[in-house]
């Protein structure tokens, strides 16, 4: 699979059943600045993590505020090469880490200061962003008919891009 990389301001992972509690009435999501590799790639620190009620996605409980000190960024119009998802979806595995995703260019590692970012400095923006991410998870779960593990990003204009979704295991 070859995809154009979206120049993400924020990346997210959504679980449409809260994996920490097993509660299928809420979604759990994590958000970081830059590319999602910071979320799935064992970078130190925490993401903005939250749970949202599926019946009222604006009813949000923040689990942790972001502390990851690195953001990954790729140049404009970069491509990423990903393995065949049929090979990734082995029973009992979510697929992450089984095969590499290889960008055409090496990502730049940038020091991130969340204290001055809108995600921390503007509570209204943060709540709007969390609600938007939660609604994406709710809509995709409804379309797919089962709990989902979703990866995506939001660009500087607030546009949401879903990179992949797969059944949540």
N, C-alpha and C. Protein backbone atom coordinates (compact mmCIF):
# COMPACT_ATOMS: atom_id res chain seq x y z
N UNK A 1 0.86 -1.16 0.00
CA UNK A 1 0.00 0.00 0.00
C UNK A 1 0.90 1.23 0.00
N UNK A 2 0.63 2.16 -0.89
CA UNK A 2 1.36 3.43 -0.94
C UNK A 2 0.36 4.54 -0.65
N UNK A 3 0.68 5.39 0.33
CA UNK A 3 -0.21 6.47 0.71
C UNK A 3 0.56 7.78 0.75
N UNK A 4 -0.13 8.87 0.40
CA UNK A 4 0.43 10.20 0.61
C UNK A 4 0.28 10.50 2.10
N UNK A 5 1.32 11.02 2.69
CA UNK A 5 1.30 11.35 4.12
C UNK A 5 0.60 12.69 4.29
N UNK A 6 -0.35 12.72 5.21
CA UNK A 6 -1.03 13.97 5.56
C UNK A 6 -0.12 14.71 6.53
N UNK A 7 0.08 15.99 6.28
CA UNK A 7 0.87 16.80 7.20
C UNK A 7 0.01 17.07 8.43
N UNK A 8 0.14 16.18 9.38
CA UNK A 8 -0.73 16.20 10.56
C UNK A 8 -0.28 17.23 11.57
N UNK A 9 -1.25 17.97 12.08
CA UNK A 9 -0.99 18.78 13.26
C UNK A 9 -1.09 17.88 14.49
N UNK A 10 -2.09 16.97 14.44
CA UNK A 10 -2.29 16.00 15.53
C UNK A 10 -2.58 14.63 14.92
N UNK A 11 -2.12 13.60 15.59
CA UNK A 11 -2.44 12.22 15.22
C UNK A 11 -3.21 11.59 16.37
N UNK A 12 -4.05 10.61 16.03
CA UNK A 12 -4.85 9.96 17.07
C UNK A 12 -4.97 8.47 16.84
N UNK A 13 -5.23 7.77 17.93
CA UNK A 13 -5.65 6.37 17.92
C UNK A 13 -6.92 6.31 18.75
N UNK A 14 -7.93 5.63 18.21
CA UNK A 14 -9.22 5.49 18.90
C UNK A 14 -9.52 4.01 19.09
N UNK A 15 -9.97 3.65 20.27
CA UNK A 15 -10.53 2.32 20.54
C UNK A 15 -11.99 2.55 20.87
N UNK A 16 -12.89 1.93 20.10
CA UNK A 16 -14.31 2.23 20.29
C UNK A 16 -14.95 1.43 21.43
N UNK A 17 -14.21 0.55 22.04
CA UNK A 17 -14.53 -0.01 23.35
C UNK A 17 -13.33 0.32 24.22
N UNK A 18 -13.55 0.92 25.36
CA UNK A 18 -12.44 1.34 26.22
C UNK A 18 -11.61 0.11 26.61
N UNK A 19 -10.35 0.02 26.17
CA UNK A 19 -9.55 -1.18 26.45
C UNK A 19 -9.13 -1.31 27.91
N UNK A 20 -9.12 -0.21 28.64
CA UNK A 20 -8.71 -0.26 30.05
C UNK A 20 -9.83 -0.81 30.94
N UNK A 21 -11.08 -0.52 30.56
CA UNK A 21 -12.21 -0.90 31.41
C UNK A 21 -13.12 -1.94 30.77
N UNK A 22 -13.01 -2.11 29.45
CA UNK A 22 -13.93 -3.00 28.73
C UNK A 22 -15.29 -2.38 28.51
N UNK A 23 -15.47 -1.11 28.86
CA UNK A 23 -16.74 -0.43 28.73
C UNK A 23 -17.03 -0.14 27.26
N UNK A 24 -18.07 -0.79 26.71
CA UNK A 24 -18.41 -0.58 25.31
C UNK A 24 -19.35 0.61 25.10
N UNK A 25 -19.65 1.34 26.17
CA UNK A 25 -20.47 2.54 26.07
C UNK A 25 -19.62 3.80 25.92
N UNK A 26 -18.29 3.62 25.86
CA UNK A 26 -17.42 4.78 25.69
C UNK A 26 -16.27 4.45 24.77
N UNK A 27 -15.77 5.48 24.09
CA UNK A 27 -14.57 5.36 23.28
C UNK A 27 -13.40 5.88 24.10
N UNK A 28 -12.22 5.34 23.81
CA UNK A 28 -10.98 5.78 24.44
C UNK A 28 -10.06 6.23 23.31
N UNK A 29 -9.44 7.38 23.46
CA UNK A 29 -8.58 7.89 22.40
C UNK A 29 -7.33 8.53 22.99
N UNK A 30 -6.30 8.56 22.15
CA UNK A 30 -5.04 9.23 22.48
C UNK A 30 -4.67 10.15 21.33
N UNK A 31 -4.14 11.33 21.65
CA UNK A 31 -3.80 12.34 20.66
C UNK A 31 -2.40 12.87 20.95
N UNK A 32 -1.58 13.03 19.89
CA UNK A 32 -0.25 13.64 20.00
C UNK A 32 -0.06 14.62 18.85
N UNK A 33 0.94 15.47 18.98
CA UNK A 33 1.33 16.36 17.89
C UNK A 33 2.14 15.57 16.86
N UNK A 34 1.95 15.91 15.58
CA UNK A 34 2.74 15.30 14.52
C UNK A 34 2.21 13.95 14.09
N UNK A 35 3.13 13.11 13.63
CA UNK A 35 2.77 11.79 13.09
C UNK A 35 2.41 10.80 14.19
N UNK A 36 1.56 9.84 13.85
CA UNK A 36 1.10 8.84 14.80
C UNK A 36 2.16 7.86 15.26
N UNK A 37 3.28 7.81 14.58
CA UNK A 37 4.36 6.91 15.01
C UNK A 37 4.77 7.19 16.45
N UNK A 38 4.62 8.43 16.88
CA UNK A 38 4.94 8.79 18.27
C UNK A 38 4.01 8.04 19.23
N UNK A 39 2.77 7.79 18.81
CA UNK A 39 1.82 7.05 19.65
C UNK A 39 2.13 5.57 19.69
N UNK A 40 2.40 4.99 18.53
CA UNK A 40 2.53 3.52 18.44
C UNK A 40 3.97 3.04 18.52
N UNK A 41 4.94 3.96 18.54
CA UNK A 41 6.34 3.60 18.44
C UNK A 41 7.15 3.66 19.72
N UNK A 42 6.53 3.57 20.87
CA UNK A 42 7.26 3.48 22.14
C UNK A 42 8.11 4.71 22.45
N UNK A 43 7.63 5.89 22.07
CA UNK A 43 8.31 7.12 22.44
C UNK A 43 7.92 7.46 23.88
N UNK A 44 8.87 7.94 24.68
CA UNK A 44 8.55 8.21 26.09
C UNK A 44 7.54 9.34 26.26
N UNK A 45 6.81 9.27 27.35
CA UNK A 45 5.83 10.30 27.68
C UNK A 45 4.42 9.81 27.44
N UNK A 46 3.47 10.69 27.74
CA UNK A 46 2.06 10.37 27.62
C UNK A 46 1.43 11.19 26.49
N UNK A 47 0.36 10.65 25.94
CA UNK A 47 -0.46 11.37 24.98
C UNK A 47 -1.59 12.07 25.74
N UNK A 48 -2.31 12.96 25.07
CA UNK A 48 -3.59 13.42 25.59
C UNK A 48 -4.52 12.23 25.47
N UNK A 49 -4.92 11.66 26.60
CA UNK A 49 -5.76 10.46 26.62
C UNK A 49 -7.09 10.79 27.25
N UNK A 50 -8.16 10.26 26.66
CA UNK A 50 -9.48 10.57 27.19
C UNK A 50 -10.49 9.48 26.84
N UNK A 51 -11.55 9.43 27.61
CA UNK A 51 -12.69 8.56 27.34
C UNK A 51 -13.90 9.47 27.11
N UNK A 52 -14.74 9.08 26.14
CA UNK A 52 -15.94 9.86 25.83
C UNK A 52 -17.14 8.93 25.75
N UNK A 53 -18.25 9.41 26.28
CA UNK A 53 -19.50 8.67 26.26
C UNK A 53 -20.03 8.61 24.82
N UNK A 54 -20.41 7.41 24.35
CA UNK A 54 -20.90 7.26 22.98
C UNK A 54 -22.23 7.96 22.75
N UNK A 55 -23.09 8.04 23.77
CA UNK A 55 -24.38 8.69 23.61
C UNK A 55 -24.25 10.21 23.62
N UNK A 56 -23.21 10.72 24.29
CA UNK A 56 -22.94 12.15 24.34
C UNK A 56 -21.43 12.35 24.26
N UNK A 57 -20.88 12.40 23.02
CA UNK A 57 -19.42 12.49 22.87
C UNK A 57 -18.79 13.75 23.44
N UNK A 58 -19.61 14.70 23.86
CA UNK A 58 -19.06 15.88 24.53
C UNK A 58 -18.90 15.65 26.03
N UNK A 59 -19.38 14.50 26.52
CA UNK A 59 -19.16 14.10 27.92
C UNK A 59 -17.82 13.36 27.95
N UNK A 60 -16.77 14.08 28.30
CA UNK A 60 -15.39 13.60 28.16
C UNK A 60 -14.70 13.58 29.51
N UNK A 61 -13.94 12.52 29.74
CA UNK A 61 -13.10 12.44 30.93
C UNK A 61 -11.64 12.35 30.47
N UNK A 62 -10.85 13.36 30.78
CA UNK A 62 -9.43 13.35 30.43
C UNK A 62 -8.71 12.38 31.37
N UNK A 63 -7.97 11.44 30.79
CA UNK A 63 -7.22 10.45 31.57
C UNK A 63 -5.79 10.93 31.83
N UNK A 64 -5.19 11.60 30.83
CA UNK A 64 -3.84 12.15 31.00
C UNK A 64 -3.63 13.28 30.02
N UNK A 65 -2.79 14.22 30.44
CA UNK A 65 -2.41 15.31 29.56
C UNK A 65 -1.10 14.95 28.87
N UNK A 66 -0.83 15.51 27.70
CA UNK A 66 0.35 15.10 26.92
C UNK A 66 1.67 15.54 27.54
N UNK A 67 2.65 14.61 27.46
CA UNK A 67 3.99 14.93 27.95
C UNK A 67 5.07 14.38 27.01
N UNK A 68 4.68 13.87 25.86
CA UNK A 68 5.68 13.38 24.91
C UNK A 68 6.50 14.57 24.41
N UNK A 69 7.80 14.43 24.43
CA UNK A 69 8.66 15.57 24.11
C UNK A 69 9.10 15.61 22.65
N UNK A 70 8.69 14.61 21.87
CA UNK A 70 9.11 14.53 20.47
C UNK A 70 7.88 14.52 19.57
N UNK A 71 7.97 15.26 18.48
CA UNK A 71 6.99 15.19 17.40
C UNK A 71 7.73 14.79 16.14
N UNK A 72 7.12 13.93 15.34
CA UNK A 72 7.72 13.50 14.08
C UNK A 72 6.99 14.17 12.92
N UNK A 73 7.75 14.66 11.95
CA UNK A 73 7.18 15.37 10.82
C UNK A 73 7.90 14.95 9.54
N UNK A 74 7.14 14.90 8.44
CA UNK A 74 7.69 14.58 7.12
C UNK A 74 7.49 15.77 6.20
N UNK A 75 8.31 15.87 5.14
CA UNK A 75 8.15 16.99 4.22
C UNK A 75 6.83 16.90 3.45
N UNK A 76 6.42 18.03 2.90
CA UNK A 76 5.20 18.13 2.09
C UNK A 76 5.24 17.11 0.96
N UNK A 77 4.11 16.51 0.64
CA UNK A 77 3.95 15.55 -0.47
C UNK A 77 4.81 14.31 -0.34
N UNK A 78 5.07 13.87 0.87
CA UNK A 78 5.84 12.65 1.10
C UNK A 78 4.92 11.43 0.97
N UNK A 79 5.48 10.31 0.56
CA UNK A 79 4.75 9.05 0.47
C UNK A 79 5.22 8.11 1.57
N UNK A 80 4.34 7.19 1.95
CA UNK A 80 4.70 6.14 2.90
C UNK A 80 4.30 4.81 2.29
N UNK A 81 5.15 3.82 2.46
CA UNK A 81 4.93 2.49 1.92
C UNK A 81 4.60 1.57 3.09
N UNK A 82 3.45 0.90 3.00
CA UNK A 82 2.98 0.06 4.10
C UNK A 82 2.77 -1.35 3.60
N UNK A 83 2.94 -2.30 4.50
CA UNK A 83 2.75 -3.70 4.14
C UNK A 83 1.27 -3.99 3.88
N UNK A 84 1.02 -5.11 3.21
CA UNK A 84 -0.34 -5.56 2.91
C UNK A 84 -1.08 -5.84 4.21
N UNK A 85 -2.24 -5.21 4.39
CA UNK A 85 -2.97 -5.37 5.65
C UNK A 85 -3.43 -6.81 5.86
N UNK A 86 -3.57 -7.61 4.79
CA UNK A 86 -3.96 -9.01 4.98
C UNK A 86 -2.91 -9.76 5.78
N UNK A 87 -1.66 -9.40 5.62
CA UNK A 87 -0.59 -10.03 6.38
C UNK A 87 -0.55 -9.53 7.82
N UNK A 88 -1.06 -8.33 8.06
CA UNK A 88 -1.01 -7.76 9.41
C UNK A 88 -2.11 -8.30 10.31
N UNK A 89 -3.24 -8.63 9.73
CA UNK A 89 -4.40 -8.95 10.53
C UNK A 89 -4.42 -10.42 10.95
N UNK A 90 -3.39 -10.84 11.65
CA UNK A 90 -3.32 -12.20 12.15
C UNK A 90 -4.14 -12.31 13.42
N UNK A 91 -4.79 -13.43 13.61
CA UNK A 91 -5.65 -13.60 14.77
C UNK A 91 -4.88 -13.33 16.05
N UNK A 92 -5.47 -12.52 16.91
CA UNK A 92 -4.85 -12.20 18.20
C UNK A 92 -3.86 -11.05 18.15
N UNK A 93 -3.64 -10.48 16.97
CA UNK A 93 -2.71 -9.35 16.84
C UNK A 93 -3.45 -8.19 16.20
N UNK A 94 -3.15 -6.98 16.67
CA UNK A 94 -3.77 -5.80 16.08
C UNK A 94 -3.08 -5.40 14.79
N UNK A 95 -1.90 -5.94 14.53
CA UNK A 95 -1.18 -5.62 13.30
C UNK A 95 -0.05 -4.65 13.50
N UNK A 96 -0.15 -3.77 14.49
CA UNK A 96 0.90 -2.76 14.68
C UNK A 96 2.21 -3.44 15.03
N UNK A 97 3.24 -3.12 14.31
CA UNK A 97 4.56 -3.63 14.62
C UNK A 97 4.93 -4.92 13.91
N UNK A 98 3.98 -5.58 13.27
CA UNK A 98 4.32 -6.82 12.59
C UNK A 98 5.12 -6.55 11.31
N UNK A 99 4.79 -5.48 10.64
CA UNK A 99 5.49 -5.08 9.43
C UNK A 99 5.80 -3.60 9.53
N UNK A 100 6.83 -3.15 8.86
CA UNK A 100 7.20 -1.75 8.91
C UNK A 100 6.42 -0.92 7.92
N UNK A 101 6.19 0.32 8.29
CA UNK A 101 5.74 1.36 7.38
C UNK A 101 6.97 2.20 7.10
N UNK A 102 7.29 2.39 5.83
CA UNK A 102 8.53 3.06 5.47
C UNK A 102 8.23 4.33 4.70
N UNK A 103 8.55 5.49 5.29
CA UNK A 103 8.34 6.75 4.56
C UNK A 103 9.44 6.95 3.52
N UNK A 104 9.10 7.67 2.47
CA UNK A 104 10.05 7.97 1.40
C UNK A 104 11.23 8.79 1.95
N UNK A 105 10.96 9.65 2.93
CA UNK A 105 12.00 10.46 3.57
C UNK A 105 12.05 10.13 5.05
N UNK A 106 13.17 10.35 5.67
CA UNK A 106 13.28 10.18 7.13
C UNK A 106 12.51 11.30 7.82
N UNK A 107 11.72 10.97 8.81
CA UNK A 107 11.00 12.03 9.53
C UNK A 107 11.96 12.87 10.36
N UNK A 108 11.64 14.14 10.49
CA UNK A 108 12.42 15.00 11.38
C UNK A 108 11.84 14.89 12.77
N UNK A 109 12.72 14.80 13.75
CA UNK A 109 12.35 14.75 15.16
C UNK A 109 12.39 16.17 15.69
N UNK A 110 11.26 16.66 16.18
CA UNK A 110 11.16 18.02 16.66
C UNK A 110 10.77 18.00 18.14
N UNK A 111 11.43 18.83 18.93
CA UNK A 111 11.05 18.95 20.33
C UNK A 111 9.69 19.62 20.42
N UNK A 112 8.81 19.01 21.20
CA UNK A 112 7.43 19.50 21.34
C UNK A 112 7.26 20.09 22.74
N UNK A 113 6.67 21.27 22.78
CA UNK A 113 6.32 21.91 24.05
C UNK A 113 4.81 22.06 24.09
N UNK A 114 4.15 21.11 24.75
CA UNK A 114 2.70 21.14 24.81
C UNK A 114 2.17 22.31 25.64
N UNK A 115 2.98 22.86 26.52
CA UNK A 115 2.48 23.92 27.41
C UNK A 115 2.00 25.15 26.63
N UNK A 116 2.57 25.39 25.45
CA UNK A 116 2.16 26.55 24.66
C UNK A 116 1.27 26.16 23.47
N UNK A 117 0.97 24.88 23.32
CA UNK A 117 0.15 24.42 22.21
C UNK A 117 -1.33 24.63 22.55
N UNK A 118 -2.15 24.85 21.51
CA UNK A 118 -3.59 25.05 21.72
C UNK A 118 -4.26 23.89 22.46
N UNK A 119 -3.71 22.71 22.30
CA UNK A 119 -4.31 21.54 22.93
C UNK A 119 -4.26 21.65 24.46
N UNK A 120 -3.34 22.45 24.96
CA UNK A 120 -3.24 22.68 26.41
C UNK A 120 -3.68 24.10 26.78
N UNK A 121 -3.34 25.08 25.97
CA UNK A 121 -3.56 26.48 26.32
C UNK A 121 -5.00 26.94 26.09
N UNK A 122 -5.76 26.20 25.28
CA UNK A 122 -7.11 26.63 24.92
C UNK A 122 -8.08 25.48 25.23
N UNK A 123 -8.74 25.56 26.39
CA UNK A 123 -9.62 24.47 26.81
C UNK A 123 -10.76 24.24 25.82
N UNK A 124 -11.30 25.30 25.24
CA UNK A 124 -12.37 25.16 24.26
C UNK A 124 -11.90 24.39 23.03
N UNK A 125 -10.71 24.72 22.54
CA UNK A 125 -10.14 24.00 21.40
C UNK A 125 -9.93 22.54 21.75
N UNK A 126 -9.37 22.27 22.94
CA UNK A 126 -9.10 20.89 23.37
C UNK A 126 -10.40 20.08 23.43
N UNK A 127 -11.43 20.65 24.02
CA UNK A 127 -12.72 19.94 24.14
C UNK A 127 -13.33 19.70 22.76
N UNK A 128 -13.22 20.68 21.87
CA UNK A 128 -13.74 20.52 20.51
C UNK A 128 -12.98 19.41 19.78
N UNK A 129 -11.66 19.40 19.91
CA UNK A 129 -10.84 18.38 19.26
C UNK A 129 -11.18 16.98 19.81
N UNK A 130 -11.30 16.85 21.13
CA UNK A 130 -11.63 15.54 21.71
C UNK A 130 -13.01 15.08 21.27
N UNK A 131 -13.98 15.98 21.22
CA UNK A 131 -15.31 15.62 20.76
C UNK A 131 -15.31 15.18 19.30
N UNK A 132 -14.53 15.88 18.47
CA UNK A 132 -14.43 15.52 17.05
C UNK A 132 -13.83 14.13 16.90
N UNK A 133 -12.76 13.84 17.63
CA UNK A 133 -12.12 12.52 17.56
C UNK A 133 -13.09 11.44 18.04
N UNK A 134 -13.78 11.70 19.13
CA UNK A 134 -14.74 10.72 19.66
C UNK A 134 -15.83 10.42 18.64
N UNK A 135 -16.37 11.46 18.00
CA UNK A 135 -17.43 11.25 17.00
C UNK A 135 -16.94 10.44 15.81
N UNK A 136 -15.69 10.63 15.42
CA UNK A 136 -15.12 9.81 14.34
C UNK A 136 -15.18 8.33 14.73
N UNK A 137 -14.76 8.02 15.94
CA UNK A 137 -14.80 6.63 16.40
C UNK A 137 -16.20 6.06 16.43
N UNK A 138 -17.15 6.84 16.93
CA UNK A 138 -18.54 6.39 17.02
C UNK A 138 -19.11 6.11 15.63
N UNK A 139 -18.86 7.02 14.68
CA UNK A 139 -19.38 6.85 13.32
C UNK A 139 -18.75 5.66 12.61
N UNK A 140 -17.45 5.46 12.79
CA UNK A 140 -16.79 4.33 12.12
C UNK A 140 -17.25 3.01 12.72
N UNK A 141 -17.40 2.94 14.04
CA UNK A 141 -17.90 1.72 14.64
C UNK A 141 -19.30 1.40 14.11
N UNK A 142 -20.17 2.40 13.99
CA UNK A 142 -21.51 2.18 13.47
C UNK A 142 -21.47 1.68 12.02
N UNK A 143 -20.58 2.25 11.22
CA UNK A 143 -20.46 1.83 9.81
C UNK A 143 -19.90 0.42 9.67
N UNK A 144 -18.96 0.05 10.55
CA UNK A 144 -18.31 -1.25 10.44
C UNK A 144 -19.07 -2.34 11.19
N UNK A 145 -19.91 -1.97 12.15
CA UNK A 145 -20.73 -2.94 12.86
C UNK A 145 -20.05 -3.68 13.99
N UNK A 146 -18.87 -3.22 14.39
CA UNK A 146 -18.17 -3.86 15.51
C UNK A 146 -17.15 -2.88 16.08
N UNK A 147 -16.66 -3.14 17.32
CA UNK A 147 -15.64 -2.26 17.90
C UNK A 147 -14.41 -2.17 16.99
N UNK A 148 -13.85 -0.97 16.90
CA UNK A 148 -12.74 -0.71 15.98
C UNK A 148 -11.54 -0.10 16.69
N UNK A 149 -10.36 -0.36 16.13
CA UNK A 149 -9.08 0.26 16.48
C UNK A 149 -8.76 1.15 15.29
N UNK A 150 -8.77 2.46 15.48
CA UNK A 150 -8.72 3.43 14.39
C UNK A 150 -7.49 4.32 14.54
N UNK A 151 -6.80 4.56 13.42
CA UNK A 151 -5.68 5.50 13.41
C UNK A 151 -6.00 6.61 12.42
N UNK A 152 -5.64 7.83 12.78
CA UNK A 152 -5.88 8.93 11.89
C UNK A 152 -5.17 10.19 12.34
N UNK A 153 -5.50 11.29 11.65
CA UNK A 153 -4.85 12.55 11.99
C UNK A 153 -5.76 13.71 11.64
N UNK A 154 -5.37 14.87 12.13
CA UNK A 154 -6.08 16.11 11.88
C UNK A 154 -5.06 17.12 11.37
N UNK A 155 -5.39 17.75 10.23
CA UNK A 155 -4.45 18.72 9.67
C UNK A 155 -4.64 20.09 10.30
N UNK A 156 -3.84 21.06 9.85
CA UNK A 156 -3.86 22.39 10.45
C UNK A 156 -5.18 23.13 10.24
N UNK A 157 -6.01 22.65 9.31
CA UNK A 157 -7.31 23.28 9.04
C UNK A 157 -8.45 22.58 9.79
N UNK A 158 -8.12 21.54 10.57
CA UNK A 158 -9.14 20.82 11.31
C UNK A 158 -9.77 19.67 10.56
N UNK A 159 -9.26 19.38 9.35
CA UNK A 159 -9.77 18.25 8.57
C UNK A 159 -9.29 16.94 9.17
N UNK A 160 -10.19 15.97 9.27
CA UNK A 160 -9.87 14.66 9.83
C UNK A 160 -9.59 13.68 8.70
N UNK A 161 -8.51 12.91 8.85
CA UNK A 161 -8.16 11.86 7.91
C UNK A 161 -8.03 10.56 8.67
N UNK A 162 -8.77 9.54 8.25
CA UNK A 162 -8.65 8.23 8.85
C UNK A 162 -7.67 7.43 7.99
N UNK A 163 -6.60 6.97 8.61
CA UNK A 163 -5.55 6.23 7.90
C UNK A 163 -5.92 4.76 7.81
N UNK A 164 -6.44 4.22 8.89
CA UNK A 164 -6.86 2.81 8.87
C UNK A 164 -7.80 2.53 10.03
N UNK A 165 -8.60 1.50 9.83
CA UNK A 165 -9.44 0.97 10.90
C UNK A 165 -9.42 -0.54 10.77
N UNK A 166 -9.50 -1.20 11.90
CA UNK A 166 -9.53 -2.66 11.93
C UNK A 166 -10.28 -3.09 13.17
N UNK A 167 -10.77 -4.32 13.19
CA UNK A 167 -11.48 -4.78 14.39
C UNK A 167 -10.59 -4.67 15.63
N UNK A 168 -11.19 -4.22 16.70
CA UNK A 168 -10.45 -4.10 17.96
C UNK A 168 -10.34 -5.48 18.58
N UNK A 169 -9.13 -5.86 18.95
CA UNK A 169 -8.92 -7.17 19.60
C UNK A 169 -8.54 -6.98 21.05
